[in-house]
PDB file of N, CA and C in Angstrom:
ATOM      1  N   MET A   1       0.838  -1.168   0.000  1.00  0.00           N
ATOM      2  CA  MET A   1       0.000   0.000   0.000  1.00  0.00           C
ATOM      3  C   MET A   1       0.892   1.244   0.000  1.00  0.00           C
ATOM      4  N   THR A   2       0.597   2.184  -0.911  1.00  0.00           N
ATOM      5  CA  THR A   2       1.406   3.404  -0.985  1.00  0.00           C
ATOM      6  C   THR A   2       0.644   4.553  -0.340  1.00  0.00           C
ATOM      7  N   PHE A   3       1.417   5.384   0.320  1.00  0.00           N
ATOM      8  CA  PHE A   3       0.828   6.558   0.959  1.00  0.00           C
ATOM      9  C   PHE A   3       1.219   7.800   0.192  1.00  0.00           C
ATOM     10  N   LYS A   4       0.292   8.752   0.138  1.00  0.00           N
ATOM     11  CA  LYS A   4       0.601  10.012  -0.533  1.00  0.00           C
ATOM     12  C   LYS A   4       1.465  10.855   0.382  1.00  0.00           C
ATOM     13  N   ASP A   5       2.372  11.601  -0.242  1.00  0.00           N
ATOM     14  CA  ASP A   5       3.196  12.536   0.517  1.00  0.00           C
ATOM     15  C   ASP A   5       2.364  13.795   0.734  1.00  0.00           C
ATOM     16  N   LEU A   6       1.866  13.961   1.929  1.00  0.00           N
ATOM     17  CA  LEU A   6       0.973  15.081   2.230  1.00  0.00           C
ATOM     18  C   LEU A   6       1.704  16.414   2.365  1.00  0.00           C
ATOM     19  N   THR A   7       3.038  16.372   2.322  1.00  0.00           N
ATOM     20  CA  THR A   7       3.799  17.624   2.409  1.00  0.00           C
ATOM     21  C   THR A   7       3.844  18.331   1.067  1.00  0.00           C
ATOM     22  N   LYS A   8       3.546  17.623  -0.011  1.00  0.00           N
ATOM     23  CA  LYS A   8       3.582  18.220  -1.354  1.00  0.00           C
ATOM     24  C   LYS A   8       2.156  18.522  -1.817  1.00  0.00           C
ATOM     25  N   PRO A   9       1.987  19.579  -2.597  1.00  0.00           N
ATOM     26  CA  PRO A   9       0.671  19.805  -3.209  1.00  0.00           C
ATOM     27  C   PRO A   9       0.338  18.623  -4.120  1.00  0.00           C
ATOM     28  N   PHE A  10      -0.946  18.311  -4.265  1.00  0.00           N
ATOM     29  CA  PHE A  10      -1.326  17.101  -5.001  1.00  0.00           C
ATOM     30  C   PHE A  10      -0.995  17.156  -6.486  1.00  0.00           C
ATOM     31  N   PHE A  11      -0.633  18.342  -7.011  1.00  0.00           N
ATOM     32  CA  PHE A  11      -0.346  18.412  -8.448  1.00  0.00           C
ATOM     33  C   PHE A  11       1.148  18.350  -8.763  1.00  0.00           C
ATOM     34  N   CYS A  12       1.964  18.051  -7.764  1.00  0.00           N
ATOM     35  CA  CYS A  12       3.407  17.981  -8.009  1.00  0.00           C
ATOM     36  C   CYS A  12       3.814  16.618  -8.578  1.00  0.00           C
ATOM     37  N   GLU A  13       4.849  16.672  -9.388  1.00  0.00           N
ATOM     38  CA  GLU A  13       5.534  15.512  -9.972  1.00  0.00           C
ATOM     39  C   GLU A  13       4.656  14.315 -10.299  1.00  0.00           C
ATOM     40  N   ASP A  14       4.810  13.197  -9.516  1.00  0.00           N
ATOM     41  CA  ASP A  14       4.116  11.971  -9.910  1.00  0.00           C
ATOM     42  C   ASP A  14       2.597  12.097  -9.754  1.00  0.00           C
ATOM     43  N   GLU A  15       2.164  13.076  -9.018  1.00  0.00           N
ATOM     44  CA  GLU A  15       0.732  13.245  -8.768  1.00  0.00           C
ATOM     45  C   GLU A  15       0.080  14.148  -9.825  1.00  0.00           C
ATOM     46  N   LYS A  16       0.824  14.444 -10.894  1.00  0.00           N
ATOM     47  CA  LYS A  16       0.346  15.378 -11.918  1.00  0.00           C
ATOM     48  C   LYS A  16      -0.982  14.932 -12.533  1.00  0.00           C
ATOM     49  N   ASP A  17      -1.166  13.639 -12.717  1.00  0.00           N
ATOM     50  CA  ASP A  17      -2.414  13.125 -13.297  1.00  0.00           C
ATOM     51  C   ASP A  17      -3.620  13.494 -12.443  1.00  0.00           C
ATOM     52  N   ASP A  18      -3.391  13.534 -11.147  1.00  0.00           N
ATOM     53  CA  ASP A  18      -4.494  13.843 -10.238  1.00  0.00           C
ATOM     54  C   ASP A  18      -5.102  15.217 -10.514  1.00  0.00           C
ATOM     55  N   ILE A  19      -4.271  16.207 -10.798  1.00  0.00           N
ATOM     56  CA  ILE A  19      -4.794  17.554 -11.052  1.00  0.00           C
ATOM     57  C   ILE A  19      -5.615  17.570 -12.337  1.00  0.00           C
ATOM     58  N   GLU A  20      -5.182  16.817 -13.349  1.00  0.00           N
ATOM     59  CA  GLU A  20      -5.946  16.766 -14.599  1.00  0.00           C
ATOM     60  C   GLU A  20      -7.301  16.100 -14.375  1.00  0.00           C
ATOM     61  N   VAL A  21      -7.285  15.003 -13.637  1.00  0.00           N
ATOM     62  CA  VAL A  21      -8.542  14.319 -13.313  1.00  0.00           C
ATOM     63  C   VAL A  21      -9.431  15.242 -12.481  1.00  0.00           C
ATOM     64  N   PHE A  22      -8.808  15.883 -11.497  1.00  0.00           N
ATOM     65  CA  PHE A  22      -9.546  16.797 -10.617  1.00  0.00           C
ATOM     66  C   PHE A  22     -10.181  17.941 -11.414  1.00  0.00           C
ATOM     67  N   SER A  23      -9.381  18.586 -12.283  1.00  0.00           N
ATOM     68  CA  SER A  23      -9.894  19.738 -13.034  1.00  0.00           C
ATOM     69  C   SER A  23     -10.971  19.314 -14.035  1.00  0.00           C
ATOM     70  N   SER A  24     -10.794  18.167 -14.679  1.00  0.00           N
ATOM     71  CA  SER A  24     -11.822  17.723 -15.633  1.00  0.00           C
ATOM     72  C   SER A  24     -13.116  17.365 -14.896  1.00  0.00           C
ATOM     73  N   THR A  25     -12.983  16.745 -13.722  1.00  0.00           N
ATOM     74  CA  THR A  25     -14.168  16.428 -12.917  1.00  0.00           C
ATOM     75  C   THR A  25     -14.880  17.704 -12.492  1.00  0.00           C
ATOM     76  N   MET A  26     -14.095  18.707 -12.079  1.00  0.00           N
ATOM     77  CA  MET A  26     -14.686  19.985 -11.661  1.00  0.00           C
ATOM     78  C   MET A  26     -15.422  20.646 -12.822  1.00  0.00           C
ATOM     79  N   LYS A  27     -14.830  20.605 -14.012  1.00  0.00           N
ATOM     80  CA  LYS A  27     -15.474  21.200 -15.192  1.00  0.00           C
ATOM     81  C   LYS A  27     -16.800  20.512 -15.486  1.00  0.00           C
ATOM     82  N   VAL A  28     -16.791  19.197 -15.449  1.00  0.00           N
ATOM     83  CA  VAL A  28     -18.015  18.433 -15.721  1.00  0.00           C
ATOM     84  C   VAL A  28     -19.082  18.777 -14.686  1.00  0.00           C
ATOM     85  N   ASN A  29     -18.687  18.792 -13.407  1.00  0.00           N
ATOM     86  CA  ASN A  29     -19.642  19.106 -12.341  1.00  0.00           C
ATOM     87  C   ASN A  29     -20.190  20.520 -12.475  1.00  0.00           C
ATOM     88  N   ALA A  30     -19.323  21.462 -12.838  1.00  0.00           N
ATOM     89  CA  ALA A  30     -19.756  22.849 -13.012  1.00  0.00           C
ATOM     90  C   ALA A  30     -20.766  22.946 -14.151  1.00  0.00           C
ATOM     91  N   LYS A  31     -20.487  22.253 -15.252  1.00  0.00           N
ATOM     92  CA  LYS A  31     -21.417  22.272 -16.389  1.00  0.00           C
ATOM     93  C   LYS A  31     -22.762  21.669 -15.995  1.00  0.00           C
ATOM     94  N   ILE A  32     -22.720  20.564 -15.257  1.00  0.00           N
ATOM     95  CA  ILE A  32     -23.961  19.918 -14.826  1.00  0.00           C
ATOM     96  C   ILE A  32     -24.747  20.850 -13.908  1.00  0.00           C
ATOM     97  N   ASP A  33     -24.057  21.487 -12.947  1.00  0.00           N
ATOM     98  CA  ASP A  33     -24.723  22.427 -12.037  1.00  0.00           C
ATOM     99  C   ASP A  33     -25.351  23.580 -12.802  1.00  0.00           C
ATOM    100  N   ASP A  34     -24.603  24.128 -13.758  1.00  0.00           N
ATOM    101  CA  ASP A  34     -25.131  25.232 -14.565  1.00  0.00           C
ATOM    102  C   ASP A  34     -26.368  24.798 -15.340  1.00  0.00           C
ATOM    103  N   MET A  35     -26.309  23.613 -15.929  1.00  0.00           N
ATOM    104  CA  MET A  35     -27.455  23.120 -16.701  1.00  0.00           C
ATOM    105  C   MET A  35     -28.673  22.924 -15.803  1.00  0.00           C
ATOM    106  N   ILE A  36     -28.436  22.420 -14.604  1.00  0.00           N
ATOM    107  CA  ILE A  36     -29.544  22.236 -13.657  1.00  0.00           C
ATOM    108  C   ILE A  36     -30.179  23.582 -13.329  1.00  0.00           C
ATOM    109  N   LYS A  37     -29.340  24.598 -13.063  1.00  0.00           N
ATOM    110  CA  LYS A  37     -29.858  25.937 -12.744  1.00  0.00           C
ATOM    111  C   LYS A  37     -30.613  26.536 -13.926  1.00  0.00           C
ATOM    112  N   ILE A  38     -30.052  26.396 -15.110  1.00  0.00           N
ATOM    113  CA  ILE A  38     -30.695  26.934 -16.317  1.00  0.00           C
ATOM    114  C   ILE A  38     -32.041  26.251 -16.544  1.00  0.00           C
ATOM    115  N   ASN A  39     -32.068  24.924 -16.424  1.00  0.00           N
ATOM    116  CA  ASN A  39     -33.321  24.186 -16.614  1.00  0.00           C
ATOM    117  C   ASN A  39     -34.361  24.553 -15.564  1.00  0.00           C
ATOM    118  N   ARG A  40     -33.900  24.750 -14.334  1.00  0.00           N
ATOM    119  CA  ARG A  40     -34.824  25.140 -13.262  1.00  0.00           C
ATOM    120  C   ARG A  40     -35.460  26.495 -13.577  1.00  0.00           C
ATOM    121  N   LEU A  41     -34.642  27.455 -14.012  1.00  0.00           N
ATOM    122  CA  LEU A  41     -35.158  28.778 -14.380  1.00  0.00           C
ATOM    123  C   LEU A  41     -36.112  28.688 -15.563  1.00  0.00           C
ATOM    124  N   ARG A  42     -35.735  27.881 -16.546  1.00  0.00           N
ATOM    125  CA  ARG A  42     -36.587  27.709 -17.733  1.00  0.00           C
ATOM    126  C   ARG A  42     -37.952  27.128 -17.335  1.00  0.00           C
ATOM    127  N   ASN A  43     -37.950  26.142 -16.444  1.00  0.00           N
ATOM    128  CA  ASN A  43     -39.207  25.536 -15.991  1.00  0.00           C
ATOM    129  C   ASN A  43     -40.078  26.533 -15.239  1.00  0.00           C
ATOM    130  N   ILE A  44     -39.447  27.367 -14.416  1.00  0.00           N
ATOM    131  CA  ILE A  44     -40.198  28.395 -13.683  1.00  0.00           C
ATOM    132  C   ILE A  44     -40.850  29.347 -14.668  1.00  0.00           C
ATOM    133  N   LYS A  45     -40.076  29.807 -15.660  1.00  0.00           N
ATOM    134  CA  LYS A  45     -40.605  30.736 -16.673  1.00  0.00           C
ATOM    135  C   LYS A  45     -41.775  30.124 -17.430  1.00  0.00           C
ATOM    136  N   GLN A  46     -41.617  28.868 -17.880  1.00  0.00           N
ATOM    137  CA  GLN A  46     -42.690  28.206 -18.622  1.00  0.00           C
ATOM    138  C   GLN A  46     -43.922  28.028 -17.747  1.00  0.00           C
ATOM    139  N   GLY A  47     -43.691  27.713 -16.483  1.00  0.00           N
ATOM    140  CA  GLY A  47     -44.803  27.561 -15.545  1.00  0.00           C
ATOM    141  C   GLY A  47     -45.574  28.852 -15.377  1.00  0.00           C
ATOM    142  N   GLU A  48     -44.854  29.979 -15.289  1.00  0.00           N
ATOM    143  CA  GLU A  48     -45.508  31.281 -15.152  1.00  0.00           C
ATOM    144  C   GLU A  48     -46.348  31.581 -16.379  1.00  0.00           C
ATOM    145  N   LYS A  49     -45.814  31.291 -17.563  1.00  0.00           N
ATOM    146  CA  LYS A  49     -46.559  31.542 -18.801  1.00  0.00           C
ATOM    147  C   LYS A  49     -47.840  30.722 -18.818  1.00  0.00           C
ATOM    148  N   LYS A  50     -47.721  29.431 -18.481  1.00  0.00           N
ATOM    149  CA  LYS A  50     -48.894  28.553 -18.494  1.00  0.00           C
ATOM    150  C   LYS A  50     -49.937  29.033 -17.492  1.00  0.00           C
ATOM    151  N   MET A  51     -49.492  29.431 -16.294  1.00  0.00           N
ATOM    152  CA  MET A  51     -50.430  29.895 -15.276  1.00  0.00           C
ATOM    153  C   MET A  51     -51.136  31.162 -15.735  1.00  0.00           C
ATOM    154  N   ALA A  52     -50.388  32.089 -16.284  1.00  0.00           N
ATOM    155  CA  ALA A  52     -50.972  33.353 -16.732  1.00  0.00           C
ATOM    156  C   ALA A  52     -51.960  33.111 -17.859  1.00  0.00           C
ATOM    157  N   ARG A  53     -51.596  32.275 -18.808  1.00  0.00           N
ATOM    158  CA  ARG A  53     -52.496  31.990 -19.937  1.00  0.00           C
ATOM    159  C   ARG A  53     -53.740  31.253 -19.465  1.00  0.00           C
ATOM    160  N   GLY A  54     -53.555  30.304 -18.578  1.00  0.00           N
ATOM    161  CA  GLY A  54     -54.695  29.559 -18.047  1.00  0.00           C
ATOM    162  C   GLY A  54     -55.638  30.468 -17.285  1.00  0.00           C
ATOM    163  N   TYR A  55     -55.055  31.380 -16.528  1.00  0.00           N
ATOM    164  CA  TYR A  55     -55.849  32.304 -15.724  1.00  0.00           C
ATOM    165  C   TYR A  55     -56.673  33.230 -16.612  1.00  0.00           C
ATOM    166  N   THR A  56     -56.052  33.808 -17.625  1.00  0.00           N
ATOM    167  CA  THR A  56     -56.773  34.755 -18.481  1.00  0.00           C
ATOM    168  C   THR A  56     -57.766  34.046 -19.383  1.00  0.00           C
ATOM    169  N   SER A  57     -57.474  32.826 -19.811  1.00  0.00           N
ATOM    170  CA  SER A  57     -58.389  32.140 -20.733  1.00  0.00           C
ATOM    171  C   SER A  57     -59.732  31.853 -20.072  1.00  0.00           C
ATOM    172  N   ARG A  58     -59.754  31.709 -18.740  1.00  0.00           N
ATOM    173  CA  ARG A  58     -61.021  31.474 -18.049  1.00  0.00           C
ATOM    174  C   ARG A  58     -61.951  32.672 -18.191  1.00  0.00           C
ATOM    175  N   PHE A  59     -61.386  33.859 -18.375  1.00  0.00           N
ATOM    176  CA  PHE A  59     -62.199  35.068 -18.447  1.00  0.00           C
ATOM    177  C   PHE A  59     -62.514  35.480 -19.877  1.00  0.00           C
ATOM    178  N   ASP A  60     -61.953  34.757 -20.838  1.00  0.00           N
ATOM    179  CA  ASP A  60     -62.219  35.044 -22.250  1.00  0.00           C
ATOM    180  C   ASP A  60     -63.708  35.015 -22.562  1.00  0.00           C
ATOM    181  N   ALA A  61     -64.396  34.027 -22.007  1.00  0.00           N
ATOM    182  CA  ALA A  61     -65.819  33.841 -22.301  1.00  0.00           C
ATOM    183  C   ALA A  61     -66.670  35.008 -21.809  1.00  0.00           C
ATOM    184  N   TYR A  62     -66.184  35.736 -20.821  1.00  0.00           N
ATOM    185  CA  TYR A  62     -66.963  36.839 -20.262  1.00  0.00           C
ATOM    186  C   TYR A  62     -66.837  38.134 -21.059  1.00  0.00           C
ATOM    187  N   LEU A  63     -65.847  38.247 -21.898  1.00  0.00           N
ATOM    188  CA  LEU A  63     -65.552  39.540 -22.529  1.00  0.00           C
ATOM    189  C   LEU A  63     -66.750  40.140 -23.251  1.00  0.00           C
ATOM    190  N   ASP A  64     -67.435  39.358 -24.086  1.00  0.00           N
ATOM    191  CA  ASP A  64     -68.586  39.889 -24.827  1.00  0.00           C
ATOM    192  C   ASP A  64     -69.732  40.238 -23.892  1.00  0.00           C
ATOM    193  N   LEU A  65     -69.969  39.390 -22.903  1.00  0.00           N
ATOM    194  CA  LEU A  65     -71.052  39.646 -21.952  1.00  0.00           C
ATOM    195  C   LEU A  65     -70.823  40.940 -21.178  1.00  0.00           C
ATOM    196  N   VAL A  66     -69.595  41.183 -20.823  1.00  0.00           N
ATOM    197  CA  VAL A  66     -69.272  42.343 -20.001  1.00  0.00           C
ATOM    198  C   VAL A  66     -69.562  43.641 -20.733  1.00  0.00           C
ATOM    199  N   LYS A  67     -69.344  43.662 -22.037  1.00  0.00           N
ATOM    200  CA  LYS A  67     -69.556  44.886 -22.803  1.00  0.00           C
ATOM    201  C   LYS A  67     -71.006  45.350 -22.706  1.00  0.00           C
ATOM    202  N   ASN A  68     -71.935  44.400 -22.608  1.00  0.00           N
ATOM    203  CA  ASN A  68     -73.357  44.747 -22.632  1.00  0.00           C
ATOM    204  C   ASN A  68     -74.074  44.517 -21.306  1.00  0.00           C
ATOM    205  N   SER A  69     -73.377  44.025 -20.312  1.00  0.00           N
ATOM    206  CA  SER A  69     -74.073  43.668 -19.078  1.00  0.00           C
ATOM    207  C   SER A  69     -73.294  44.098 -17.854  1.00  0.00           C
ATOM    208  N   VAL A  70     -73.994  44.738 -16.933  1.00  0.00           N
ATOM    209  CA  VAL A  70     -73.360  45.164 -15.688  1.00  0.00           C
ATOM    210  C   VAL A  70     -73.245  43.982 -14.733  1.00  0.00           C
ATOM    211  N   LYS A  71     -74.033  42.946 -14.940  1.00  0.00           N
ATOM    212  CA  LYS A  71     -74.028  41.788 -14.045  1.00  0.00           C
ATOM    213  C   LYS A  71     -72.654  41.120 -13.978  1.00  0.00           C
ATOM    214  N   GLU A  72     -71.913  41.210 -15.050  1.00  0.00           N
ATOM    215  CA  GLU A  72     -70.599  40.568 -15.091  1.00  0.00           C
ATOM    216  C   GLU A  72     -69.512  41.458 -14.488  1.00  0.00           C
ATOM    217  N   TYR A  73     -69.913  42.628 -14.014  1.00  0.00           N
ATOM    218  CA  TYR A  73     -68.923  43.587 -13.507  1.00  0.00           C
ATOM    219  C   TYR A  73     -68.077  42.995 -12.385  1.00  0.00           C
ATOM    220  N   GLU A  74     -68.723  42.284 -11.474  1.00  0.00           N
ATOM    221  CA  GLU A  74     -67.981  41.747 -10.336  1.00  0.00           C
ATOM    222  C   GLU A  74     -66.877  40.806 -10.784  1.00  0.00           C
ATOM    223  N   LYS A  75     -67.153  40.013 -11.799  1.00  0.00           N
ATOM    224  CA  LYS A  75     -66.142  39.076 -12.286  1.00  0.00           C
ATOM    225  C   LYS A  75     -64.946  39.821 -12.859  1.00  0.00           C
ATOM    226  N   LYS A  76     -65.223  40.874 -13.634  1.00  0.00           N
ATOM    227  CA  LYS A  76     -64.134  41.651 -14.220  1.00  0.00           C
ATOM    228  C   LYS A  76     -63.390  42.421 -13.143  1.00  0.00           C
ATOM    229  N   ASP A  77     -64.163  42.953 -12.208  1.00  0.00           N
ATOM    230  CA  ASP A  77     -63.561  43.711 -11.113  1.00  0.00           C
ATOM    231  C   ASP A  77     -62.621  42.803 -10.326  1.00  0.00           C
ATOM    232  N   TRP A  78     -63.080  41.587 -10.049  1.00  0.00           N
ATOM    233  CA  TRP A  78     -62.256  40.632  -9.320  1.00  0.00           C
ATOM    234  C   TRP A  78     -61.001  40.291 -10.114  1.00  0.00           C
ATOM    235  N   PHE A  79     -61.185  40.106 -11.426  1.00  0.00           N
ATOM    236  CA  PHE A  79     -60.055  39.768 -12.294  1.00  0.00           C
ATOM    237  C   PHE A  79     -58.987  40.852 -12.257  1.00  0.00           C
ATOM    238  N   LEU A  80     -59.416  42.113 -12.312  1.00  0.00           N
ATOM    239  CA  LEU A  80     -58.445  43.204 -12.397  1.00  0.00           C
ATOM    240  C   LEU A  80     -57.908  43.633 -11.039  1.00  0.00           C
ATOM    241  N   ASP A  81     -58.795  43.775 -10.067  1.00  0.00           N
ATOM    242  CA  ASP A  81     -58.385  44.396  -8.807  1.00  0.00           C
ATOM    243  C   ASP A  81     -57.936  43.419  -7.738  1.00  0.00           C
ATOM    244  N   ARG A  82     -58.391  42.175  -7.807  1.00  0.00           N
ATOM    245  CA  ARG A  82     -58.062  41.228  -6.741  1.00  0.00           C
ATOM    246  C   ARG A  82     -56.770  40.456  -7.010  1.00  0.00           C
ATOM    247  N   LEU A  83     -56.178  40.684  -8.157  1.00  0.00           N
ATOM    248  CA  LEU A  83     -54.892  40.025  -8.444  1.00  0.00           C
ATOM    249  C   LEU A  83     -53.786  40.689  -7.642  1.00  0.00           C
ATOM    250  N   HIS A  84     -52.851  39.890  -7.164  1.00  0.00           N
ATOM    251  CA  HIS A  84     -51.660  40.479  -6.553  1.00  0.00           C
ATOM    252  C   HIS A  84     -50.924  41.260  -7.631  1.00  0.00           C
ATOM    253  N   GLU A  85     -50.300  42.342  -7.235  1.00  0.00           N
ATOM    254  CA  GLU A  85     -49.649  43.216  -8.224  1.00  0.00           C
ATOM    255  C   GLU A  85     -48.614  42.458  -9.053  1.00  0.00           C
ATOM    256  N   LEU A  86     -47.832  41.619  -8.400  1.00  0.00           N
ATOM    257  CA  LEU A  86     -46.793  40.855  -9.094  1.00  0.00           C
ATOM    258  C   LEU A  86     -47.428  39.922 -10.124  1.00  0.00           C
ATOM    259  N   TYR A  87     -48.491  39.223  -9.727  1.00  0.00           N
ATOM    260  CA  TYR A  87     -49.137  38.291 -10.647  1.00  0.00           C
ATOM    261  C   TYR A  87     -49.835  39.050 -11.762  1.00  0.00           C
ATOM    262  N   GLN A  88     -50.425  40.201 -11.423  1.00  0.00           N
ATOM    263  CA  GLN A  88     -51.109  41.019 -12.425  1.00  0.00           C
ATOM    264  C   GLN A  88     -50.130  41.429 -13.521  1.00  0.00           C
ATOM    265  N   SER A  89     -48.917  41.798 -13.127  1.00  0.00           N
ATOM    266  CA  SER A  89     -47.926  42.202 -14.131  1.00  0.00           C
ATOM    267  C   SER A  89     -47.506  41.013 -14.995  1.00  0.00           C
ATOM    268  N   LYS A  90     -47.492  39.803 -14.421  1.00  0.00           N
ATOM    269  CA  LYS A  90     -47.158  38.614 -15.214  1.00  0.00           C
ATOM    270  C   LYS A  90     -48.248  38.334 -16.240  1.00  0.00           C
ATOM    271  N   VAL A  91     -49.511  38.446 -15.803  1.00  0.00           N
ATOM    272  CA  VAL A  91     -50.624  38.233 -16.731  1.00  0.00           C
ATOM    273  C   VAL A  91     -50.552  39.277 -17.834  1.00  0.00           C
ATOM    274  N   GLU A  92     -50.299  40.515 -17.440  1.00  0.00           N
ATOM    275  CA  GLU A  92     -50.207  41.607 -18.414  1.00  0.00           C
ATOM    276  C   GLU A  92     -49.067  41.351 -19.399  1.00  0.00           C
ATOM    277  N   HIS A  93     -47.949  40.825 -18.888  1.00  0.00           N
ATOM    278  CA  HIS A  93     -46.772  40.574 -19.724  1.00  0.00           C
ATOM    279  C   HIS A  93     -47.003  39.411 -20.692  1.00  0.00           C
ATOM    280  N   PHE A  94     -47.546  38.299 -20.190  1.00  0.00           N
ATOM    281  CA  PHE A  94     -47.676  37.098 -21.012  1.00  0.00           C
ATOM    282  C   PHE A  94     -48.915  37.106 -21.905  1.00  0.00           C
ATOM    283  N   CYS A  95     -49.966  37.827 -21.500  1.00  0.00           N
ATOM    284  CA  CYS A  95     -51.219  37.851 -22.282  1.00  0.00           C
ATOM    285  C   CYS A  95     -51.693  39.290 -22.433  1.00  0.00           C
ATOM    286  N   PRO A  96     -50.913  40.146 -23.073  1.00  0.00           N
ATOM    287  CA  PRO A  96     -51.246  41.573 -23.101  1.00  0.00           C
ATOM    288  C   PRO A  96     -52.574  41.888 -23.780  1.00  0.00           C
ATOM    289  N   ASP A  97     -52.915  41.175 -24.857  1.00  0.00           N
ATOM    290  CA  ASP A  97     -54.164  41.474 -25.576  1.00  0.00           C
ATOM    291  C   ASP A  97     -55.384  41.208 -24.706  1.00  0.00           C
ATOM    292  N   ILE A  98     -55.425  40.022 -24.125  1.00  0.00           N
ATOM    293  CA  ILE A  98     -56.561  39.653 -23.273  1.00  0.00           C
ATOM    294  C   ILE A  98     -56.635  40.597 -22.076  1.00  0.00           C
ATOM    295  N   TYR A  99     -55.492  40.893 -21.501  1.00  0.00           N
ATOM    296  CA  TYR A  99     -55.458  41.763 -20.328  1.00  0.00           C
ATOM    297  C   TYR A  99     -56.016  43.147 -20.660  1.00  0.00           C
ATOM    298  N   MET A 100     -55.587  43.718 -21.780  1.00  0.00           N
ATOM    299  CA  MET A 100     -56.041  45.065 -22.152  1.00  0.00           C
ATOM    300  C   MET A 100     -57.526  45.069 -22.507  1.00  0.00           C
ATOM    301  N   LYS A 101     -57.998  44.036 -23.214  1.00  0.00           N
ATOM    302  CA  LYS A 101     -59.433  43.943 -23.534  1.00  0.00           C
ATOM    303  C   LYS A 101     -60.253  43.911 -22.245  1.00  0.00           C
ATOM    304  N   THR A 102     -59.810  43.076 -21.322  1.00  0.00           N
ATOM    305  CA  THR A 102     -60.518  42.928 -20.057  1.00  0.00           C
ATOM    306  C   THR A 102     -60.532  44.238 -19.290  1.00  0.00           C
ATOM    307  N   LYS A 103     -59.400  44.901 -19.266  1.00  0.00           N
ATOM    308  CA  LYS A 103     -59.294  46.169 -18.544  1.00  0.00           C
ATOM    309  C   LYS A 103     -60.233  47.210 -19.161  1.00  0.00           C
ATOM    310  N   LYS A 104     -60.252  47.266 -20.502  1.00  0.00           N
ATOM    311  CA  LYS A 104     -61.145  48.209 -21.195  1.00  0.00           C
ATOM    312  C   LYS A 104     -62.601  47.947 -20.833  1.00  0.00           C
ATOM    313  N   CYS A 105     -62.978  46.673 -20.865  1.00  0.00           N
ATOM    314  CA  CYS A 105     -64.364  46.314 -20.537  1.00  0.00           C
ATOM    315  C   CYS A 105     -64.710  46.733 -19.114  1.00  0.00           C
ATOM    316  N   ALA A 106     -63.817  46.459 -18.191  1.00  0.00           N
ATOM    317  CA  ALA A 106     -64.068  46.808 -16.792  1.00  0.00           C
ATOM    318  C   ALA A 106     -64.196  48.320 -16.634  1.00  0.00           C
ATOM    319  N   LEU A 107     -63.353  49.075 -17.334  1.00  0.00           N
ATOM    320  CA  LEU A 107     -63.420  50.540 -17.255  1.00  0.00           C
ATOM    321  C   LEU A 107     -64.712  51.067 -17.868  1.00  0.00           C
ATOM    322  N   GLN A 108     -65.151  50.463 -18.968  1.00  0.00           N
ATOM    323  CA  GLN A 108     -66.422  50.870 -19.587  1.00  0.00           C
ATOM    324  C   GLN A 108     -67.576  50.666 -18.617  1.00  0.00           C
ATOM    325  N   ILE A 109     -67.575  49.530 -17.945  1.00  0.00           N
ATOM    326  CA  ILE A 109     -68.649  49.234 -17.000  1.00  0.00           C
ATOM    327  C   ILE A 109     -68.582  50.178 -15.808  1.00  0.00           C
ATOM    328  N   GLU A 110     -67.382  50.448 -15.346  1.00  0.00           N
ATOM    329  CA  GLU A 110     -67.201  51.373 -14.226  1.00  0.00           C
ATOM    330  C   GLU A 110     -67.763  52.747 -14.597  1.00  0.00           C
ATOM    331  N   ASN A 111     -67.440  53.228 -15.792  1.00  0.00           N
ATOM    332  CA  ASN A 111     -67.958  54.522 -16.259  1.00  0.00           C
ATOM    333  C   ASN A 111     -69.476  54.479 -16.395  1.00  0.00           C
ATOM    334  N   PHE A 112     -70.000  53.360 -16.900  1.00  0.00           N
ATOM    335  CA  PHE A 112     -71.439  53.191 -17.067  1.00  0.00           C
ATOM    336  C   PHE A 112     -72.135  53.285 -15.709  1.00  0.00           C
ATOM    337  N   GLN A 113     -71.564  52.644 -14.701  1.00  0.00           N
ATOM    338  CA  GLN A 113     -72.165  52.676 -13.363  1.00  0.00           C
ATOM    339  C   GLN A 113     -72.096  54.079 -12.776  1.00  0.00           C
ATOM    340  N   LYS A 114     -70.999  54.782 -12.987  1.00  0.00           N
ATOM    341  CA  LYS A 114     -70.875  56.160 -12.481  1.00  0.00           C
ATOM    342  C   LYS A 114     -71.923  57.060 -13.131  1.00  0.00           C
ATOM    343  N   ASP A 115     -72.136  56.876 -14.439  1.00  0.00           N
ATOM    344  CA  ASP A 115     -73.133  57.679 -15.158  1.00  0.00           C
ATOM    345  C   ASP A 115     -74.538  57.414 -14.629  1.00  0.00           C
ATOM    346  N   ARG A 116     -74.824  56.177 -14.258  1.00  0.00           N
ATOM    347  CA  ARG A 116     -76.155  55.814 -13.743  1.00  0.00           C
ATOM    348  C   ARG A 116     -76.404  56.453 -12.394  1.00  0.00           C
ATOM    349  N   GLU A 117     -75.345  56.618 -11.612  1.00  0.00           N
ATOM    350  CA  GLU A 117     -75.491  57.222 -10.275  1.00  0.00           C
ATOM    351  C   GLU A 117     -75.639  58.705 -10.444  1.00  0.00           C
TER     352      GLU A 117
END
């Protein structure tokens, strides 16, 4: 059984192979760690998109009704005002058309109600 000379750095003389193995292993591990982090971020982003799209698509069916009916006001009001600000900005970012249509409808109804009062 051979013992390593602990007084020398591991990359000296006969131990030179060890540093190459060590550095190549470190490179591989670093690449794997980076890929894991990148994939994790990518999954989070895709999840946010799916959630935002799923959330707004539920209100698609109400858009036409809201234009002509005050009864749907609460649903639109809830959609616009009850969202957390952070989530609201995600919905706005990922589904801008639906978000703006919905906002317009809610504002029209709000103005309609003010005029009635």
